[in-house]
C-alpha atoms as a PDB file:
ATOM      1  CA  MET A   1       5.170  15.588  -3.372  1.00  0.00           C
ATOM      2  CA  ALA A   2       6.782  12.657  -4.946  1.00  0.00           C
ATOM      3  CA  HIS A   3       9.163  12.949  -7.623  1.00  0.00           C
ATOM      4  CA  SER A   4       9.647  10.680 -10.706  1.00  0.00           C
ATOM      5  CA  ASP A   5      13.090  11.896 -11.019  1.00  0.00           C
ATOM      6  CA  PRO A   6      15.239   8.479 -12.070  1.00  0.00           C
ATOM      7  CA  ALA A   7      18.406   9.817 -10.658  1.00  0.00           C
ATOM      8  CA  LEU A   8      17.049   9.508  -7.546  1.00  0.00           C
ATOM      9  CA  ALA A   9      17.220   5.582  -7.350  1.00  0.00           C
ATOM     10  CA  HIS A  10      21.002   5.822  -6.998  1.00  0.00           C
ATOM     11  CA  GLU A  11      23.361   6.757  -4.420  1.00  0.00           C
ATOM     12  CA  ALA A  12      27.711   7.007  -4.598  1.00  0.00           C
ATOM     13  CA  PRO A  13      30.159   8.439  -2.425  1.00  0.00           C
ATOM     14  CA  LEU A  14      30.116  12.569  -2.264  1.00  0.00           C
ATOM     15  CA  GLY A  15      32.744  13.929  -3.878  1.00  0.00           C
ATOM     16  CA  ALA A  16      34.993  17.026  -2.357  1.00  0.00           C
ATOM     17  CA  ALA A  17      34.130  18.899  -5.286  1.00  0.00           C
ATOM     18  CA  GLU A  18      30.365  18.641  -4.113  1.00  0.00           C
ATOM     19  CA  LEU A  19      30.985  20.143  -0.792  1.00  0.00           C
ATOM     20  CA  GLY A  20      28.820  23.409  -1.699  1.00  0.00           C
ATOM     21  CA  ASP A  21      26.066  21.376  -2.044  1.00  0.00           C
ATOM     22  CA  ALA A  22      26.396  19.611   1.292  1.00  0.00           C
ATOM     23  CA  ALA A  23      26.614  22.979   2.816  1.00  0.00           C
ATOM     24  CA  VAL A  24      23.420  23.806   1.451  1.00  0.00           C
ATOM     25  CA  LEU A  25      21.772  20.905   3.041  1.00  0.00           C
ATOM     26  CA  VAL A  26      23.612  21.791   6.589  1.00  0.00           C
ATOM     27  CA  ALA A  27      22.023  25.438   6.279  1.00  0.00           C
ATOM     28  CA  GLU A  28      18.622  24.550   5.549  1.00  0.00           C
ATOM     29  CA  ALA A  29      18.345  22.298   8.460  1.00  0.00           C
ATOM     30  CA  GLY A  30      20.067  24.827  10.482  1.00  0.00           C
ATOM     31  CA  TRP A  31      23.048  22.693  11.684  1.00  0.00           C
ATOM     32  CA  ASN A  32      26.553  23.768  12.724  1.00  0.00           C
ATOM     33  CA  GLN A  33      28.806  21.857  10.595  1.00  0.00           C
ATOM     34  CA  VAL A  34      31.473  23.218   8.368  1.00  0.00           C
ATOM     35  CA  ALA A  35      33.621  22.292   5.633  1.00  0.00           C
ATOM     36  CA  ALA A  36      36.204  20.945   7.943  1.00  0.00           C
ATOM     37  CA  ASP A  37      33.649  18.780   9.308  1.00  0.00           C
ATOM     38  CA  TRP A  38      32.694  17.237   6.260  1.00  0.00           C
ATOM     39  CA  ARG A  39      36.342  16.778   5.413  1.00  0.00           C
ATOM     40  CA  ILE A  40      36.769  14.378   8.294  1.00  0.00           C
ATOM     41  CA  PHE A  41      34.183  12.013   6.654  1.00  0.00           C
ATOM     42  CA  LEU A  42      35.596  12.181   3.198  1.00  0.00           C
ATOM     43  CA  ASP A  43      39.054  11.572   4.698  1.00  0.00           C
ATOM     44  CA  LEU A  44      38.011   9.196   7.564  1.00  0.00           C
ATOM     45  CA  GLY A  45      35.075   7.698   6.837  1.00  0.00           C
ATOM     46  CA  THR A  46      32.299   7.586   3.788  1.00  0.00           C
ATOM     47  CA  VAL A  47      29.794   9.852   2.951  1.00  0.00           C
ATOM     48  CA  TYR A  48      27.387   8.689   0.700  1.00  0.00           C
ATOM     49  CA  ALA A  49      24.875  11.020  -1.473  1.00  0.00           C
ATOM     50  CA  ILE A  50      21.999  11.018  -3.532  1.00  0.00           C
ATOM     51  CA  ARG A  51      21.627  13.692  -6.423  1.00  0.00           C
ATOM     52  CA  ASN A  52      18.911  14.828  -8.718  1.00  0.00           C
ATOM     53  CA  SER A  53      18.870  14.597 -12.471  1.00  0.00           C
ATOM     54  CA  ALA A  54      20.383  18.146 -12.355  1.00  0.00           C
ATOM     55  CA  GLY A  55      23.666  16.281 -10.668  1.00  0.00           C
ATOM     56  CA  ARG A  56      23.078  18.571  -7.483  1.00  0.00           C
ATOM     57  CA  VAL A  57      23.425  16.401  -3.911  1.00  0.00           C
ATOM     58  CA  ILE A  58      19.909  16.454  -2.091  1.00  0.00           C
ATOM     59  CA  ALA A  59      20.358  13.670   0.563  1.00  0.00           C
ATOM     60  CA  THR A  60      23.417  12.280   2.492  1.00  0.00           C
ATOM     61  CA  ALA A  61      24.403  10.286   4.932  1.00  0.00           C
ATOM     62  CA  ALA A  62      27.794   9.574   6.350  1.00  0.00           C
ATOM     63  CA  THR A  63      29.783   6.631   8.408  1.00  0.00           C
ATOM     64  CA  LEU A  64      32.847   6.838  10.548  1.00  0.00           C
ATOM     65  CA  PRO A  65      34.732   4.048  11.608  1.00  0.00           C
ATOM     66  CA  TYR A  66      36.252   4.019  15.196  1.00  0.00           C
ATOM     67  CA  GLY A  67      38.931   1.387  15.882  1.00  0.00           C
ATOM     68  CA  GLY A  68      37.516  -1.892  14.627  1.00  0.00           C
ATOM     69  CA  ARG A  69      34.818  -1.722  17.224  1.00  0.00           C
ATOM     70  CA  PHE A  70      32.000   0.458  16.142  1.00  0.00           C
ATOM     71  CA  GLY A  71      30.907   3.037  13.831  1.00  0.00           C
ATOM     72  CA  TRP A  72      28.889   6.583  13.797  1.00  0.00           C
ATOM     73  CA  ILE A  73      26.026   7.165  11.217  1.00  0.00           C
ATOM     74  CA  SER A  74      25.305  10.959  10.922  1.00  0.00           C
ATOM     75  CA  MET A  75      24.986  13.703   8.838  1.00  0.00           C
ATOM     76  CA  VAL A  76      21.453  12.202   7.341  1.00  0.00           C
ATOM     77  CA  LEU A  77      20.151  15.159   5.287  1.00  0.00           C
ATOM     78  CA  VAL A  78      17.860  15.873   2.768  1.00  0.00           C
ATOM     79  CA  ALA A  79      16.561  18.545   1.069  1.00  0.00           C
ATOM     80  CA  GLY A  80      12.964  20.096   1.741  1.00  0.00           C
ATOM     81  CA  THR A  81      11.302  19.385  -1.503  1.00  0.00           C
ATOM     82  CA  TYR A  82      12.882  15.596  -1.517  1.00  0.00           C
ATOM     83  CA  ARG A  83      11.705  14.652   1.982  1.00  0.00           C
ATOM     84  CA  ARG A  84       9.375  11.861   2.894  1.00  0.00           C
ATOM     85  CA  GLN A  85      10.447   9.602  -0.286  1.00  0.00           C
ATOM     86  CA  GLY A  86      12.415   7.183   2.180  1.00  0.00           C
ATOM     87  CA  LEU A  87      15.710   8.511   0.815  1.00  0.00           C
ATOM     88  CA  ALA A  88      16.887   9.046   4.383  1.00  0.00           C
ATOM     89  CA  ARG A  89      15.943   5.546   5.427  1.00  0.00           C
ATOM     90  CA  ARG A  90      17.567   4.093   2.416  1.00  0.00           C
ATOM     91  CA  LEU A  91      20.562   5.593   2.960  1.00  0.00           C
ATOM     92  CA  LEU A  92      20.922   4.689   7.053  1.00  0.00           C
ATOM     93  CA  SER A  93      20.125   1.162   5.410  1.00  0.00           C
ATOM     94  CA  ARG A  94      23.105   1.371   3.094  1.00  0.00           C
ATOM     95  CA  CYS A  95      25.513   2.693   6.349  1.00  0.00           C
ATOM     96  CA  ILE A  96      24.228  -0.075   8.469  1.00  0.00           C
ATOM     97  CA  ALA A  97      24.732  -2.346   5.904  1.00  0.00           C
ATOM     98  CA  ASP A  98      28.191  -1.208   5.515  1.00  0.00           C
ATOM     99  CA  LEU A  99      29.516  -1.186   9.198  1.00  0.00           C
ATOM    100  CA  THR A 100      27.883  -4.699   9.766  1.00  0.00           C
ATOM    101  CA  ALA A 101      29.541  -5.923   7.363  1.00  0.00           C
ATOM    102  CA  ALA A 102      32.918  -4.606   8.428  1.00  0.00           C
ATOM    103  CA  ALA A 103      31.889  -6.164  11.746  1.00  0.00           C
ATOM    104  CA  VAL A 104      31.607  -2.901  13.585  1.00  0.00           C
ATOM    105  CA  VAL A 105      28.637  -1.786  15.574  1.00  0.00           C
ATOM    106  CA  PRO A 106      26.444   0.988  13.934  1.00  0.00           C
ATOM    107  CA  VAL A 107      26.078   4.007  16.681  1.00  0.00           C
ATOM    108  CA  LEU A 108      24.227   7.250  16.253  1.00  0.00           C
ATOM    109  CA  ASP A 109      23.108  10.112  18.437  1.00  0.00           C
ATOM    110  CA  ALA A 110      19.188  10.832  17.617  1.00  0.00           C
ATOM    111  CA  THR A 111      16.909  13.400  18.316  1.00  0.00           C
ATOM    112  CA  PRO A 112      13.518  12.382  19.793  1.00  0.00           C
ATOM    113  CA  ALA A 113      11.771  12.871  16.375  1.00  0.00           C
ATOM    114  CA  GLY A 114      14.510  10.722  14.809  1.00  0.00           C
ATOM    115  CA  ARG A 115      14.297   8.094  17.616  1.00  0.00           C
ATOM    116  CA  GLY A 116      11.062   6.090  16.434  1.00  0.00           C
ATOM    117  CA  ILE A 117      12.537   5.542  13.117  1.00  0.00           C
ATOM    118  CA  TYR A 118      15.974   4.317  14.328  1.00  0.00           C
ATOM    119  CA  LEU A 119      14.386   1.919  16.519  1.00  0.00           C
ATOM    120  CA  THR A 120      12.374   0.130  13.457  1.00  0.00           C
ATOM    121  CA  LEU A 121      15.644  -0.230  12.123  1.00  0.00           C
ATOM    122  CA  GLY A 122      17.076  -2.238  15.327  1.00  0.00           C
ATOM    123  CA  PHE A 123      18.769   0.674  17.110  1.00  0.00           C
ATOM    124  CA  GLN A 124      18.415   0.324  20.809  1.00  0.00           C
ATOM    125  CA  ASP A 125      18.911   3.355  23.471  1.00  0.00           C
ATOM    126  CA  ALA A 126      21.911   3.464  25.698  1.00  0.00           C
ATOM    127  CA  TRP A 127      21.958   7.137  27.439  1.00  0.00           C
ATOM    128  CA  GLY A 128      21.155  10.606  26.673  1.00  0.00           C
ATOM    129  CA  PHE A 129      22.811  13.769  26.566  1.00  0.00           C
ATOM    130  CA  HIS A 130      21.446  17.578  26.231  1.00  0.00           C
ATOM    131  CA  ARG A 131      22.865  20.299  23.743  1.00  0.00           C
ATOM    132  CA  LEU A 132      23.460  23.279  25.876  1.00  0.00           C
ATOM    133  CA  ALA A 133      23.596  26.588  24.228  1.00  0.00           C
ATOM    134  CA  GLY A 134      25.293  29.701  26.187  1.00  0.00           C
ATOM    135  CA  LYS A 135      27.847  32.488  25.486  1.00  0.00           C
ATOM    136  CA  ALA A 136      31.548  32.680  26.593  1.00  0.00           C
ATOM    137  CA  THR A 137      33.176  36.018  27.337  1.00  0.00           C
ATOM    138  CA  ALA A 138      36.976  36.003  27.251  1.00  0.00           C
ATOM    139  CA  ARG A 139      38.500  36.948  30.783  1.00  0.00           C
ATOM    140  CA  ASN A 140      35.638  36.121  32.601  1.00  0.00           C
ATOM    141  CA  PRO A 141      36.737  36.567  36.314  1.00  0.00           C
ATOM    142  CA  ASN A 142      33.952  34.819  37.721  1.00  0.00           C
ATOM    143  CA  LEU A 143      35.288  31.103  36.811  1.00  0.00           C
ATOM    144  CA  PRO A 144      36.796  29.239  39.271  1.00  0.00           C
ATOM    145  CA  PRO A 145      40.195  27.984  39.527  1.00  0.00           C
ATOM    146  CA  PRO A 146      41.189  24.118  38.986  1.00  0.00           C
ATOM    147  CA  PRO A 147      41.023  21.807  42.093  1.00  0.00           C
ATOM    148  CA  THR A 148      44.363  21.418  44.176  1.00  0.00           C
ATOM    149  CA  GLY A 149      46.753  19.533  42.636  1.00  0.00           C
ATOM    150  CA  ILE A 150      45.475  19.885  38.850  1.00  0.00           C
ATOM    151  CA  ARG A 151      47.119  21.971  36.324  1.00  0.00           C
ATOM    152  CA  ILE A 152      45.389  23.153  33.082  1.00  0.00           C
ATOM    153  CA  GLN A 153      47.520  23.720  30.244  1.00  0.00           C
ATOM    154  CA  PRO A 154      47.443  23.955  26.715  1.00  0.00           C
ATOM    155  CA  ILE A 155      47.645  20.379  25.138  1.00  0.00           C
ATOM    156  CA  GLY A 156      51.224  21.303  23.519  1.00  0.00           C
ATOM    157  CA  ASP A 157      53.107  17.793  22.320  1.00  0.00           C
ATOM    158  CA  ALA A 158      51.177  15.854  24.769  1.00  0.00           C
ATOM    159  CA  ILE A 159      48.817  14.581  22.001  1.00  0.00           C
ATOM    160  CA  ASP A 160      50.092  10.519  21.715  1.00  0.00           C
ATOM    161  CA  GLU A 161      49.519  10.425  25.453  1.00  0.00           C
ATOM    162  CA  LEU A 162      46.209  12.092  25.364  1.00  0.00           C
ATOM    163  CA  CYS A 163      44.815  10.015  22.356  1.00  0.00           C
ATOM    164  CA  ARG A 164      45.959   6.817  24.517  1.00  0.00           C
ATOM    165  CA  TYR A 165      43.804   8.191  27.502  1.00  0.00           C
ATOM    166  CA  ASP A 166      40.625   9.212  25.532  1.00  0.00           C
ATOM    167  CA  ALA A 167      40.829   5.597  23.445  1.00  0.00           C
ATOM    168  CA  ALA A 168      40.266   4.209  27.132  1.00  0.00           C
ATOM    169  CA  ALA A 169      37.456   6.299  27.999  1.00  0.00           C
ATOM    170  CA  PHE A 170      35.577   6.224  24.363  1.00  0.00           C
ATOM    171  CA  GLY A 171      35.807   2.806  23.692  1.00  0.00           C
ATOM    172  CA  ALA A 172      38.373   2.956  20.824  1.00  0.00           C
ATOM    173  CA  ASP A 173      40.962   4.639  19.172  1.00  0.00           C
ATOM    174  CA  ARG A 174      39.869   8.163  17.475  1.00  0.00           C
ATOM    175  CA  SER A 175      43.042   9.832  17.109  1.00  0.00           C
ATOM    176  CA  GLY A 176      42.593  10.611  13.765  1.00  0.00           C
ATOM    177  CA  VAL A 177      39.518  12.698  14.392  1.00  0.00           C
ATOM    178  CA  LEU A 178      41.146  14.039  17.344  1.00  0.00           C
ATOM    179  CA  ALA A 179      44.060  15.247  15.141  1.00  0.00           C
ATOM    180  CA  ARG A 180      41.375  16.895  12.510  1.00  0.00           C
ATOM    181  CA  LEU A 181      40.131  19.168  15.710  1.00  0.00           C
ATOM    182  CA  ARG A 182      43.469  20.276  16.605  1.00  0.00           C
ATOM    183  CA  GLY A 183      44.027  23.939  15.749  1.00  0.00           C
ATOM    184  CA  ARG A 184      40.210  24.326  15.152  1.00  0.00           C
ATOM    185  CA  VAL A 185      39.699  26.528  18.214  1.00  0.00           C
ATOM    186  CA  PRO A 186      43.200  26.702  19.595  1.00  0.00           C
ATOM    187  CA  ALA A 187      42.480  28.346  23.277  1.00  0.00           C
ATOM    188  CA  ALA A 188      40.196  25.676  24.352  1.00  0.00           C
ATOM    189  CA  GLU A 189      42.852  22.872  23.192  1.00  0.00           C
ATOM    190  CA  LEU A 190      43.485  21.781  26.828  1.00  0.00           C
ATOM    191  CA  VAL A 191      44.937  19.143  29.173  1.00  0.00           C
ATOM    192  CA  ALA A 192      44.587  18.667  32.743  1.00  0.00           C
ATOM    193  CA  LEU A 193      47.806  16.891  34.587  1.00  0.00           C
ATOM    194  CA  ARG A 194      48.167  15.552  38.088  1.00  0.00           C
ATOM    195  CA  ASP A 195      51.655  14.747  38.818  1.00  0.00           C
ATOM    196  CA  ASP A 196      52.631  14.829  35.035  1.00  0.00           C
ATOM    197  CA  GLY A 197      49.829  12.296  34.024  1.00  0.00           C
ATOM    198  CA  ILE A 198      46.916  12.907  32.282  1.00  0.00           C
ATOM    199  CA  CYS A 199      43.572  13.158  33.947  1.00  0.00           C
ATOM    200  CA  GLY A 200      41.117  15.438  31.741  1.00  0.00           C
ATOM    201  CA  PHE A 201      41.376  17.382  28.358  1.00  0.00           C
ATOM    202  CA  LEU A 202      39.085  19.435  26.104  1.00  0.00           C
ATOM    203  CA  LEU A 203      39.028  20.072  22.528  1.00  0.00           C
ATOM    204  CA  GLY A 204      36.609  22.353  20.293  1.00  0.00           C
ATOM    205  CA  ARG A 205      35.912  23.415  16.884  1.00  0.00           C
ATOM    206  CA  ASP A 206      34.504  26.000  14.964  1.00  0.00           C
ATOM    207  CA  GLY A 207      30.654  26.075  13.611  1.00  0.00           C
ATOM    208  CA  GLN A 208      28.279  27.855  11.515  1.00  0.00           C
ATOM    209  CA  SER A 209      26.699  29.098  14.500  1.00  0.00           C
ATOM    210  CA  ALA A 210      28.372  28.499  17.423  1.00  0.00           C
ATOM    211  CA  THR A 211      32.125  27.088  18.846  1.00  0.00           C
ATOM    212  CA  GLN A 212      31.191  23.804  19.881  1.00  0.00           C
ATOM    213  CA  LEU A 213      33.234  22.532  23.145  1.00  0.00           C
ATOM    214  CA  GLY A 214      34.095  18.894  23.257  1.00  0.00           C
ATOM    215  CA  PRO A 215      34.912  16.368  23.680  1.00  0.00           C
ATOM    216  CA  LEU A 216      35.268  16.790  27.141  1.00  0.00           C
ATOM    217  CA  VAL A 217      36.778  13.641  28.977  1.00  0.00           C
ATOM    218  CA  ALA A 218      37.964  13.649  32.577  1.00  0.00           C
ATOM    219  CA  GLU A 219      38.381  11.676  36.085  1.00  0.00           C
ATOM    220  CA  ASN A 220      35.688  13.650  37.894  1.00  0.00           C
ATOM    221  CA  ALA A 221      33.187  16.752  37.616  1.00  0.00           C
ATOM    222  CA  ALA A 222      36.148  19.074  39.510  1.00  0.00           C
ATOM    223  CA  ILE A 223      38.583  18.607  36.681  1.00  0.00           C
ATOM    224  CA  ALA A 224      35.641  18.730  33.919  1.00  0.00           C
ATOM    225  CA  GLN A 225      34.425  21.884  35.095  1.00  0.00           C
ATOM    226  CA  ALA A 226      37.848  23.501  35.540  1.00  0.00           C
ATOM    227  CA  LEU A 227      38.712  22.394  31.878  1.00  0.00           C
ATOM    228  CA  LEU A 228      35.319  24.128  30.893  1.00  0.00           C
ATOM    229  CA  ALA A 229      36.107  27.224  32.875  1.00  0.00           C
ATOM    230  CA  ARG A 230      39.583  27.564  31.441  1.00  0.00           C
ATOM    231  CA  GLY A 231      37.883  27.148  27.914  1.00  0.00           C
ATOM    232  CA  LEU A 232      35.087  29.572  28.178  1.00  0.00           C
ATOM    233  CA  ALA A 233      37.754  32.042  29.408  1.00  0.00           C
ATOM    234  CA  ALA A 234      39.500  32.087  26.374  1.00  0.00           C
ATOM    235  CA  ILE A 235      37.081  32.263  23.742  1.00  0.00           C
ATOM    236  CA  GLU A 236      34.096  34.741  22.687  1.00  0.00           C
ATOM    237  CA  GLY A 237      30.644  34.204  21.618  1.00  0.00           C
ATOM    238  CA  PRO A 238      27.998  31.626  21.104  1.00  0.00           C
ATOM    239  CA  VAL A 239      28.911  28.629  22.557  1.00  0.00           C
ATOM    240  CA  TYR A 240      27.444  24.544  22.370  1.00  0.00           C
ATOM    241  CA  VAL A 241      28.084  22.108  24.805  1.00  0.00           C
ATOM    242  CA  ASP A 242      26.685  18.600  24.365  1.00  0.00           C
ATOM    243  CA  LEU A 243      26.931  17.465  27.999  1.00  0.00           C
ATOM    244  CA  THR A 244      25.912  13.716  29.131  1.00  0.00           C
ATOM    245  CA  ASP A 245      23.002  13.848  31.228  1.00  0.00           C
ATOM    246  CA  ALA A 246      24.512  11.834  33.968  1.00  0.00           C
ATOM    247  CA  GLN A 247      26.745  14.707  34.546  1.00  0.00           C
ATOM    248  CA  ALA A 248      24.191  16.764  36.815  1.00  0.00           C
ATOM    249  CA  PRO A 249      26.870  18.854  38.750  1.00  0.00           C
ATOM    250  CA  VAL A 250      28.157  20.321  35.527  1.00  0.00           C
ATOM    251  CA  ARG A 251      24.678  21.128  34.015  1.00  0.00           C
ATOM    252  CA  ALA A 252      23.794  23.017  37.103  1.00  0.00           C
ATOM    253  CA  TRP A 253      27.126  25.122  36.904  1.00  0.00           C
ATOM    254  CA  LEU A 254      26.799  25.668  33.141  1.00  0.00           C
ATOM    255  CA  SER A 255      23.108  26.761  34.298  1.00  0.00           C
ATOM    256  CA  GLU A 256      24.321  29.401  36.462  1.00  0.00           C
ATOM    257  CA  LEU A 257      26.547  30.578  33.728  1.00  0.00           C
ATOM    258  CA  GLY A 258      23.461  31.161  31.460  1.00  0.00           C
ATOM    259  CA  PHE A 259      23.937  27.833  29.609  1.00  0.00           C
ATOM    260  CA  ILE A 260      20.278  26.552  28.304  1.00  0.00           C
ATOM    261  CA  ALA A 261      18.833  23.312  27.229  1.00  0.00           C
ATOM    262  CA  GLN A 262      18.519  23.665  23.695  1.00  0.00           C
ATOM    263  CA  ARG A 263      17.969  20.017  22.613  1.00  0.00           C
ATOM    264  CA  PRO A 264      18.062  16.239  24.068  1.00  0.00           C
ATOM    265  CA  LEU A 265      19.383  13.372  21.940  1.00  0.00           C
ATOM    266  CA  ILE A 266      19.769   9.785  22.830  1.00  0.00           C
ATOM    267  CA  ARG A 267      22.797   7.477  21.832  1.00  0.00           C
ATOM    268  CA  MET A 268      21.525   4.527  20.279  1.00  0.00           C
ATOM    269  CA  LEU A 269      23.529   1.510  19.166  1.00  0.00           C
ATOM    270  CA  HIS A 270      22.600  -1.229  16.847  1.00  0.00           C
ATOM    271  CA  ARG A 271      21.173  -4.361  18.259  1.00  0.00           C
ATOM    272  CA  ARG A 272      22.751  -3.533  21.570  1.00  0.00           C
ATOM    273  CA  SER A 273      21.914  -1.184  24.184  1.00  0.00           C
ATOM    274  CA  THR A 274      25.539  -1.247  26.173  1.00  0.00           C
ATOM    275  CA  SER A 275      27.563   1.361  25.423  1.00  0.00           C
ATOM    276  CA  PHE A 276      31.384   1.561  24.769  1.00  0.00           C
ATOM    277  CA  GLU A 277      32.331   4.633  26.449  1.00  0.00           C
ATOM    278  CA  ASP A 278      33.290   4.966  30.106  1.00  0.00           C
ATOM    279  CA  ALA A 279      30.273   6.958  31.164  1.00  0.00           C
ATOM    280  CA  ALA A 280      32.272   8.177  34.724  1.00  0.00           C
ATOM    281  CA  ARG A 281      34.771   9.932  32.325  1.00  0.00           C
ATOM    282  CA  THR A 282      32.473  11.093  29.494  1.00  0.00           C
ATOM    283  CA  PHE A 283      31.020  14.810  30.103  1.00  0.00           C
ATOM    284  CA  ALA A 284      30.627  16.135  26.582  1.00  0.00           C
ATOM    285  CA  VAL A 285      30.583  14.295  23.329  1.00  0.00           C
ATOM    286  CA  ALA A 286      32.432  15.487  20.485  1.00  0.00           C
ATOM    287  CA  GLY A 287      28.749  16.315  18.952  1.00  0.00           C
ATOM    288  CA  PRO A 288      26.506  14.469  17.756  1.00  0.00           C
ATOM    289  CA  GLU A 289      28.081  13.609  13.979  1.00  0.00           C
ATOM    290  CA  LEU A 290      31.357  12.485  15.712  1.00  0.00           C
ATOM    291  CA  GLY A 291      30.642  10.764  19.031  1.00  0.00           C
END
């Protein structure tokens, strides 16, 4: 159904007072984000919104720059009765223009359904991952111990060193985002140490429908599995892990724990196919909206 509302011709940044409208869009889409996730974009990036003549937000898209190298595009949401009018494409084009004007590469994580649209806008495939959905049971006695010589412990005051470690693996500094994840799921804020040097870490965040565990960065699969095991043993309830397709041994282990692939996603970059991450150390992303 086409709308003749003249207000739809304009977009402007989302305001903090409009987070209620943004939450309605998330709920309609069945996504997992909460207000704290929207505030990451409001404070560290930009959220564009389209409003109807009643002043209600009916479409959004967000950008989140990382270290002057690349920037994320996400939170592309359109209310059901306003879809198929080109609003998402218009917001996407605005986000692409902003990031390219800032000389950073636009990056996004696409569902198979959205991939076709992104290809027409100049995005190229880099690599894939799957959202794995399962359930954590605190104090699970069947989870394995860490490898010999590896200590798993709370992050504590190791955050500065952790951010440097992460930047080398992620491809850019994202300390601002990592700081916003701290405290969201304290029991899953873990670091792996070998001879007092960081060799992996895990963070998490609460969500509408599940706890999201990630980012998960580690030197090898055994360390990544040990971090996840400790995190899963410390929390309860539904869990999402957005695990890269390249990390097959960890996926097989999670499958043994009852995790099921919910949906595939594709990391795509604008006008290039080579990603910025260290693929060997990237196990689980922070989420499609954060990278």
